N, C-alpha and C. Protein backbone atom coordinates (compact mmCIF):
# COMPACT_ATOMS: atom_id res chain seq x y z
N UNK A 1 184.90 81.11 97.99
CA UNK A 1 186.05 80.58 97.28
C UNK A 1 185.68 79.21 96.71
N UNK A 2 186.01 79.00 95.44
CA UNK A 2 185.67 77.76 94.75
C UNK A 2 186.95 77.11 94.24
N UNK A 3 187.57 76.20 95.01
CA UNK A 3 188.81 75.57 94.57
C UNK A 3 188.58 74.62 93.40
N UNK A 4 189.64 74.38 92.64
CA UNK A 4 189.58 73.45 91.52
C UNK A 4 190.46 72.25 91.83
N UNK A 5 190.18 71.09 91.23
CA UNK A 5 190.99 69.90 91.48
C UNK A 5 192.45 70.09 91.05
N UNK A 6 193.29 69.27 91.64
CA UNK A 6 194.72 69.33 91.38
C UNK A 6 195.04 69.17 89.90
N UNK A 7 195.98 69.98 89.44
CA UNK A 7 196.45 69.89 88.07
C UNK A 7 195.71 70.77 87.09
N UNK A 8 194.53 71.25 87.44
CA UNK A 8 193.79 72.12 86.53
C UNK A 8 194.36 73.52 86.58
N UNK A 9 194.45 74.14 85.41
CA UNK A 9 194.95 75.50 85.27
C UNK A 9 193.89 76.33 84.55
N UNK A 10 193.87 77.64 84.77
CA UNK A 10 192.93 78.48 84.01
C UNK A 10 193.16 78.31 82.51
N UNK A 11 192.10 78.11 81.77
CA UNK A 11 192.18 77.95 80.31
C UNK A 11 192.12 79.32 79.66
N UNK A 12 193.09 79.61 78.83
CA UNK A 12 193.16 80.90 78.14
C UNK A 12 192.26 80.86 76.92
N UNK A 13 190.98 81.12 77.15
CA UNK A 13 190.00 81.11 76.06
C UNK A 13 189.61 82.55 75.79
N UNK A 14 189.75 82.94 74.54
CA UNK A 14 189.48 84.31 74.11
C UNK A 14 187.97 84.56 73.98
N UNK A 15 187.60 85.80 74.05
CA UNK A 15 186.21 86.19 73.81
C UNK A 15 185.49 86.57 75.08
N UNK A 16 184.81 87.69 75.04
CA UNK A 16 184.13 88.21 76.22
C UNK A 16 183.07 87.27 76.78
N UNK A 17 182.38 86.52 75.91
CA UNK A 17 181.30 85.65 76.38
C UNK A 17 181.84 84.60 77.33
N UNK A 18 182.91 83.91 76.95
CA UNK A 18 183.47 82.86 77.80
C UNK A 18 184.15 83.47 79.02
N UNK A 19 184.82 84.59 78.85
CA UNK A 19 185.44 85.26 80.00
C UNK A 19 184.38 85.61 81.03
N UNK A 20 183.24 86.12 80.57
CA UNK A 20 182.15 86.50 81.47
C UNK A 20 181.49 85.29 82.12
N UNK A 21 181.32 84.20 81.36
CA UNK A 21 180.61 83.02 81.85
C UNK A 21 181.50 81.99 82.51
N UNK A 22 182.79 82.11 82.37
CA UNK A 22 183.74 81.15 82.97
C UNK A 22 183.89 81.40 84.45
N UNK A 23 185.04 81.15 84.97
CA UNK A 23 186.22 80.68 84.24
C UNK A 23 186.19 79.17 84.01
N UNK A 24 186.86 78.77 82.93
CA UNK A 24 187.04 77.36 82.63
C UNK A 24 188.49 76.99 82.95
N UNK A 25 188.69 75.74 83.34
CA UNK A 25 190.00 75.25 83.71
C UNK A 25 190.28 73.99 82.92
N UNK A 26 191.55 73.73 82.66
CA UNK A 26 191.90 72.54 81.89
C UNK A 26 193.16 71.87 82.40
N UNK A 27 193.28 70.62 82.03
CA UNK A 27 194.51 69.85 82.23
C UNK A 27 194.53 68.76 81.17
N UNK A 28 195.72 68.23 80.93
CA UNK A 28 195.88 67.15 79.97
C UNK A 28 196.33 65.92 80.75
N UNK A 29 195.57 64.85 80.61
CA UNK A 29 195.87 63.58 81.29
C UNK A 29 195.93 62.49 80.23
N UNK A 30 197.05 61.78 80.18
CA UNK A 30 197.23 60.71 79.19
C UNK A 30 196.92 61.19 77.78
N UNK A 31 197.34 62.41 77.46
CA UNK A 31 197.16 62.96 76.12
C UNK A 31 195.77 63.47 75.81
N UNK A 32 194.87 63.48 76.78
CA UNK A 32 193.49 63.94 76.55
C UNK A 32 193.19 65.18 77.39
N UNK A 33 192.55 66.13 76.76
CA UNK A 33 192.17 67.35 77.46
C UNK A 33 190.97 67.08 78.37
N UNK A 34 191.06 67.54 79.59
CA UNK A 34 189.91 67.57 80.50
C UNK A 34 189.63 69.04 80.77
N UNK A 35 188.40 69.45 80.62
CA UNK A 35 187.99 70.83 80.85
C UNK A 35 186.96 70.82 81.96
N UNK A 36 186.97 71.85 82.81
CA UNK A 36 186.01 71.88 83.90
C UNK A 36 185.75 73.27 84.42
N UNK A 37 184.74 73.37 85.29
CA UNK A 37 184.42 74.60 85.99
C UNK A 37 183.68 74.26 87.27
N UNK A 38 183.75 75.17 88.22
CA UNK A 38 183.03 75.03 89.48
C UNK A 38 181.71 75.79 89.34
N UNK A 39 180.58 75.16 89.69
CA UNK A 39 179.27 75.81 89.59
C UNK A 39 179.19 76.90 90.67
N UNK A 40 179.15 78.14 90.21
CA UNK A 40 179.04 79.30 91.09
C UNK A 40 177.59 79.80 91.07
N UNK A 41 177.21 80.64 92.04
CA UNK A 41 175.84 81.15 92.06
C UNK A 41 175.40 81.77 90.73
N UNK A 42 176.30 82.43 90.03
CA UNK A 42 175.94 83.09 88.76
C UNK A 42 175.68 82.09 87.64
N UNK A 43 176.03 80.82 87.83
CA UNK A 43 175.79 79.79 86.83
C UNK A 43 174.45 79.08 87.03
N UNK A 44 173.73 79.41 88.09
CA UNK A 44 172.55 78.63 88.45
C UNK A 44 171.24 79.19 87.90
N UNK A 45 170.26 78.31 87.84
CA UNK A 45 168.90 78.69 87.46
C UNK A 45 168.12 79.01 88.74
N UNK A 46 166.82 79.33 88.65
CA UNK A 46 166.05 79.66 89.85
C UNK A 46 165.97 78.52 90.89
N UNK A 47 166.26 77.28 90.49
CA UNK A 47 166.24 76.16 91.44
C UNK A 47 167.57 75.98 92.15
N UNK A 48 168.56 76.81 91.80
CA UNK A 48 169.86 76.73 92.45
C UNK A 48 170.78 75.65 91.91
N UNK A 49 170.47 75.13 90.73
CA UNK A 49 171.36 74.16 90.07
C UNK A 49 171.90 74.80 88.79
N UNK A 50 172.95 74.20 88.25
CA UNK A 50 173.58 74.78 87.07
C UNK A 50 172.57 74.89 85.92
N UNK A 51 172.51 76.06 85.34
CA UNK A 51 171.60 76.33 84.23
C UNK A 51 172.00 75.49 83.02
N UNK A 52 171.00 74.92 82.34
CA UNK A 52 171.27 74.12 81.15
C UNK A 52 172.01 74.90 80.08
N UNK A 53 171.77 76.19 80.01
CA UNK A 53 172.47 77.03 79.04
C UNK A 53 173.96 77.12 79.34
N UNK A 54 174.31 77.13 80.62
CA UNK A 54 175.73 77.14 80.99
C UNK A 54 176.38 75.82 80.60
N UNK A 55 175.67 74.71 80.83
CA UNK A 55 176.21 73.41 80.45
C UNK A 55 176.36 73.29 78.94
N UNK A 56 175.39 73.81 78.19
CA UNK A 56 175.48 73.79 76.73
C UNK A 56 176.66 74.65 76.25
N UNK A 57 176.85 75.79 76.88
CA UNK A 57 178.00 76.64 76.54
C UNK A 57 179.30 75.89 76.83
N UNK A 58 179.36 75.24 77.97
CA UNK A 58 180.55 74.50 78.36
C UNK A 58 180.90 73.43 77.32
N UNK A 59 179.93 72.62 76.91
CA UNK A 59 180.23 71.54 75.97
C UNK A 59 180.51 72.08 74.57
N UNK A 60 179.96 73.24 74.24
CA UNK A 60 180.24 73.86 72.95
C UNK A 60 181.70 74.32 72.90
N UNK A 61 182.31 74.55 74.04
CA UNK A 61 183.75 74.86 74.11
C UNK A 61 184.57 73.58 74.26
N UNK A 62 184.07 72.65 75.05
CA UNK A 62 184.82 71.43 75.36
C UNK A 62 185.20 70.64 74.12
N UNK A 63 184.25 70.35 73.27
CA UNK A 63 184.50 69.44 72.15
C UNK A 63 185.52 70.03 71.17
N UNK A 64 185.38 71.27 70.70
CA UNK A 64 186.42 71.81 69.82
C UNK A 64 187.79 71.92 70.50
N UNK A 65 187.81 72.29 71.77
CA UNK A 65 189.09 72.38 72.48
C UNK A 65 189.74 71.01 72.59
N UNK A 66 188.95 69.98 72.88
CA UNK A 66 189.48 68.62 72.96
C UNK A 66 190.05 68.20 71.61
N UNK A 67 189.39 68.59 70.53
CA UNK A 67 189.90 68.27 69.19
C UNK A 67 191.27 68.90 68.96
N UNK A 68 191.45 70.11 69.44
CA UNK A 68 192.74 70.79 69.25
C UNK A 68 193.87 70.13 70.03
N UNK A 69 193.53 69.39 71.07
CA UNK A 69 194.54 68.69 71.86
C UNK A 69 194.76 67.24 71.40
N UNK A 70 194.00 66.80 70.42
CA UNK A 70 194.17 65.45 69.89
C UNK A 70 195.50 65.40 69.15
N UNK A 71 196.40 64.46 69.52
CA UNK A 71 197.71 64.38 68.86
C UNK A 71 197.59 64.27 67.34
N UNK A 72 198.42 65.04 66.65
CA UNK A 72 198.45 65.01 65.20
C UNK A 72 197.40 65.85 64.51
N UNK A 73 196.53 66.49 65.29
CA UNK A 73 195.46 67.28 64.70
C UNK A 73 195.90 68.73 64.55
N UNK A 74 195.65 69.29 63.38
CA UNK A 74 195.95 70.68 63.11
C UNK A 74 195.00 71.58 63.90
N UNK A 75 195.53 72.65 64.48
CA UNK A 75 194.68 73.57 65.24
C UNK A 75 193.87 74.42 64.28
N UNK A 76 192.56 74.31 64.37
CA UNK A 76 191.63 75.06 63.51
C UNK A 76 190.50 75.65 64.34
N UNK A 77 189.92 76.71 63.79
CA UNK A 77 188.69 77.22 64.35
C UNK A 77 187.60 76.23 63.93
N UNK A 78 186.76 75.79 64.89
CA UNK A 78 185.76 74.77 64.62
C UNK A 78 184.37 75.29 64.97
N UNK A 79 183.75 76.08 64.08
CA UNK A 79 182.41 76.57 64.37
C UNK A 79 181.40 75.43 64.45
N UNK A 80 180.46 75.57 65.36
CA UNK A 80 179.46 74.54 65.60
C UNK A 80 178.40 74.55 64.50
N UNK A 81 178.14 73.38 63.95
CA UNK A 81 177.05 73.21 62.99
C UNK A 81 175.85 72.61 63.70
N UNK A 82 176.10 71.57 64.50
CA UNK A 82 175.02 70.89 65.21
C UNK A 82 175.55 70.44 66.57
N UNK A 83 174.71 70.61 67.59
CA UNK A 83 175.10 70.20 68.93
C UNK A 83 173.91 69.49 69.56
N UNK A 84 174.08 68.22 69.88
CA UNK A 84 173.04 67.42 70.54
C UNK A 84 173.43 67.27 72.00
N UNK A 85 172.60 67.77 72.89
CA UNK A 85 172.89 67.72 74.31
C UNK A 85 171.81 66.90 75.01
N UNK A 86 172.25 65.87 75.75
CA UNK A 86 171.35 65.05 76.53
C UNK A 86 171.64 65.31 78.00
N UNK A 87 170.69 65.90 78.70
CA UNK A 87 170.85 66.19 80.12
C UNK A 87 170.50 64.93 80.91
N UNK A 88 171.45 64.45 81.69
CA UNK A 88 171.28 63.20 82.42
C UNK A 88 171.03 63.41 83.91
N UNK A 89 171.37 64.59 84.41
CA UNK A 89 171.22 64.86 85.84
C UNK A 89 171.56 66.30 86.15
N UNK A 90 171.38 66.67 87.40
CA UNK A 90 171.60 68.05 87.84
C UNK A 90 173.03 68.24 88.33
N UNK A 91 173.51 69.47 88.18
CA UNK A 91 174.82 69.88 88.69
C UNK A 91 174.57 70.93 89.77
N UNK A 92 174.76 70.55 91.02
CA UNK A 92 174.43 71.41 92.15
C UNK A 92 175.40 72.59 92.28
N UNK A 93 174.94 73.61 92.96
CA UNK A 93 175.79 74.74 93.31
C UNK A 93 177.02 74.21 94.04
N UNK A 94 178.20 74.62 93.61
CA UNK A 94 179.45 74.18 94.21
C UNK A 94 180.05 72.94 93.59
N UNK A 95 179.29 72.26 92.71
CA UNK A 95 179.80 71.03 92.08
C UNK A 95 180.94 71.35 91.12
N UNK A 96 181.85 70.39 90.99
CA UNK A 96 182.90 70.47 89.98
C UNK A 96 182.38 69.76 88.73
N UNK A 97 182.20 70.50 87.65
CA UNK A 97 181.72 69.97 86.39
C UNK A 97 182.93 69.76 85.49
N UNK A 98 183.07 68.55 84.96
CA UNK A 98 184.26 68.21 84.19
C UNK A 98 183.88 67.34 83.02
N UNK A 99 184.57 67.53 81.90
CA UNK A 99 184.28 66.71 80.73
C UNK A 99 185.49 66.43 79.88
N UNK A 100 185.34 65.42 79.05
CA UNK A 100 186.32 65.06 78.03
C UNK A 100 185.58 64.90 76.72
N UNK A 101 186.22 65.33 75.65
CA UNK A 101 185.65 65.15 74.33
C UNK A 101 186.49 64.18 73.52
N UNK A 102 185.88 63.63 72.48
CA UNK A 102 186.56 62.64 71.64
C UNK A 102 186.15 62.87 70.19
N UNK A 103 187.15 62.96 69.33
CA UNK A 103 186.90 63.08 67.90
C UNK A 103 186.56 61.69 67.37
N UNK A 104 185.41 61.58 66.71
CA UNK A 104 184.97 60.30 66.16
C UNK A 104 185.40 60.12 64.71
N UNK A 105 185.35 61.23 63.96
CA UNK A 105 185.61 61.14 62.53
C UNK A 105 185.81 62.55 61.99
N UNK A 106 186.63 62.66 60.97
CA UNK A 106 186.74 63.93 60.25
C UNK A 106 186.62 63.67 58.76
N UNK A 107 186.11 64.67 58.07
CA UNK A 107 186.12 64.69 56.61
C UNK A 107 186.89 65.95 56.22
N UNK A 108 186.93 66.23 54.96
CA UNK A 108 187.63 67.44 54.51
C UNK A 108 187.02 68.70 55.14
N UNK A 109 185.71 68.69 55.35
CA UNK A 109 185.03 69.90 55.81
C UNK A 109 184.41 69.81 57.19
N UNK A 110 184.30 68.60 57.77
CA UNK A 110 183.56 68.43 59.01
C UNK A 110 184.34 67.61 60.04
N UNK A 111 184.04 67.88 61.30
CA UNK A 111 184.57 67.10 62.41
C UNK A 111 183.38 66.61 63.24
N UNK A 112 183.34 65.33 63.52
CA UNK A 112 182.28 64.71 64.32
C UNK A 112 182.89 64.31 65.65
N UNK A 113 182.24 64.67 66.75
CA UNK A 113 182.82 64.40 68.07
C UNK A 113 181.72 64.18 69.09
N UNK A 114 182.16 63.67 70.25
CA UNK A 114 181.23 63.43 71.35
C UNK A 114 181.95 63.69 72.67
N UNK A 115 181.18 63.74 73.74
CA UNK A 115 181.78 63.92 75.06
C UNK A 115 180.83 63.51 76.16
N UNK A 116 181.42 63.30 77.34
CA UNK A 116 180.66 62.98 78.54
C UNK A 116 181.09 63.94 79.63
N UNK A 117 180.11 64.48 80.35
CA UNK A 117 180.36 65.47 81.39
C UNK A 117 179.84 64.92 82.70
N UNK A 118 180.63 65.14 83.76
CA UNK A 118 180.23 64.71 85.09
C UNK A 118 180.18 65.91 86.02
N UNK A 119 179.42 65.77 87.10
CA UNK A 119 179.41 66.74 88.19
C UNK A 119 179.77 65.96 89.44
N UNK A 120 180.91 66.31 90.03
CA UNK A 120 181.43 65.58 91.18
C UNK A 120 181.47 64.08 90.92
N UNK A 121 181.84 63.71 89.69
CA UNK A 121 182.03 62.31 89.33
C UNK A 121 180.80 61.59 88.81
N UNK A 122 179.62 62.20 88.87
CA UNK A 122 178.38 61.58 88.39
C UNK A 122 178.03 62.10 87.00
N UNK A 123 177.76 61.23 86.02
CA UNK A 123 177.40 61.72 84.68
C UNK A 123 176.17 62.63 84.72
N UNK A 124 176.29 63.81 84.10
CA UNK A 124 175.17 64.75 84.07
C UNK A 124 174.80 65.20 82.65
N UNK A 125 175.68 64.91 81.69
CA UNK A 125 175.40 65.40 80.35
C UNK A 125 176.20 64.58 79.34
N UNK A 126 175.56 64.30 78.22
CA UNK A 126 176.22 63.65 77.09
C UNK A 126 176.04 64.58 75.89
N UNK A 127 177.08 64.71 75.09
CA UNK A 127 177.02 65.63 73.96
C UNK A 127 177.59 64.96 72.72
N UNK A 128 177.01 65.29 71.59
CA UNK A 128 177.61 64.94 70.30
C UNK A 128 177.44 66.15 69.41
N UNK A 129 178.40 66.33 68.52
CA UNK A 129 178.33 67.52 67.68
C UNK A 129 179.03 67.35 66.35
N UNK A 130 178.66 68.25 65.46
CA UNK A 130 179.28 68.36 64.15
C UNK A 130 179.83 69.78 64.06
N UNK A 131 181.09 69.88 63.66
CA UNK A 131 181.77 71.16 63.60
C UNK A 131 182.40 71.35 62.23
N UNK A 132 182.35 72.58 61.74
CA UNK A 132 182.94 72.91 60.44
C UNK A 132 184.45 73.01 60.61
N UNK A 133 185.19 72.44 59.68
CA UNK A 133 186.65 72.59 59.67
C UNK A 133 186.95 74.00 59.17
N UNK A 134 187.16 74.91 60.12
CA UNK A 134 187.37 76.31 59.79
C UNK A 134 188.82 76.61 59.47
N UNK A 135 189.14 77.88 59.54
CA UNK A 135 190.48 78.35 59.19
C UNK A 135 191.51 77.83 60.18
N UNK A 136 192.71 77.63 59.70
CA UNK A 136 193.83 77.25 60.54
C UNK A 136 194.16 78.43 61.44
N UNK A 137 194.41 78.14 62.71
CA UNK A 137 194.77 79.19 63.66
C UNK A 137 196.28 79.23 63.77
N UNK A 138 196.85 80.40 63.52
CA UNK A 138 198.30 80.55 63.50
C UNK A 138 198.87 79.66 62.41
N UNK A 139 199.90 78.88 62.77
CA UNK A 139 200.45 77.94 61.80
C UNK A 139 199.86 76.54 61.97
N UNK A 140 198.89 76.42 62.89
CA UNK A 140 198.18 75.16 63.10
C UNK A 140 198.90 74.15 63.98
N UNK A 141 200.07 74.52 64.53
CA UNK A 141 200.87 73.54 65.26
C UNK A 141 200.88 73.76 66.77
N UNK A 142 200.17 74.74 67.27
CA UNK A 142 200.20 75.02 68.71
C UNK A 142 199.67 73.82 69.48
N UNK A 143 200.50 73.17 70.29
CA UNK A 143 200.10 71.98 71.03
C UNK A 143 199.47 72.31 72.37
N UNK A 144 199.49 73.58 72.76
CA UNK A 144 198.90 73.98 74.04
C UNK A 144 198.08 75.26 73.85
N UNK A 145 197.02 75.18 73.02
CA UNK A 145 196.28 76.40 72.69
C UNK A 145 195.56 77.07 73.87
N UNK A 146 195.33 76.34 74.94
CA UNK A 146 194.65 76.94 76.11
C UNK A 146 195.65 77.46 77.15
N UNK A 147 196.93 77.40 76.83
CA UNK A 147 197.94 77.92 77.73
C UNK A 147 197.99 77.20 79.05
N UNK A 148 197.90 75.88 79.02
CA UNK A 148 197.93 75.09 80.25
C UNK A 148 199.36 74.81 80.69
N UNK A 149 200.31 75.48 80.07
CA UNK A 149 201.72 75.43 80.42
C UNK A 149 202.33 74.05 80.23
N UNK A 150 201.76 73.30 79.28
CA UNK A 150 202.31 71.99 78.98
C UNK A 150 202.21 71.00 80.13
N UNK A 151 201.40 71.33 81.12
CA UNK A 151 201.26 70.45 82.30
C UNK A 151 200.58 69.15 81.88
N UNK A 152 201.21 68.06 82.15
CA UNK A 152 200.66 66.75 81.84
C UNK A 152 200.66 65.93 83.12
N UNK A 153 199.51 65.42 83.51
CA UNK A 153 199.38 64.56 84.68
C UNK A 153 199.02 63.17 84.20
N UNK A 154 199.39 62.18 85.01
CA UNK A 154 198.95 60.81 84.70
C UNK A 154 199.84 60.09 83.76
């Protein structure tokens, strides 16, 4: 059993890849999305630590999801153009991996963002990315696209 920290709820993220590789959990604190997951045996590499590919997958979801929770931002599909991942440390089996993303700038066609990821509170990964401003999802106004039930802590 892998418990999650208080306030986190299962994130309703569509697509078989994330469903298979998750689960991911989210909460909103002070208007910012926090996304996380518990490192399970299936997430590990042969050394028993979280596989870098799992961390890259996580941040590839984190940054666009964080953008969708940014107040005043229209909900859009944000395909990845470029993702820079800096691995700062290991995430052990059983660790709680958590991150926040931040939109730095947008243009008509692009979104530039960054994020910091921790494992049990220790920085393990830094990410920056460029995302295409894709199609509007629904009417673009969904304020809780991950179905976190509007739960706000902090």
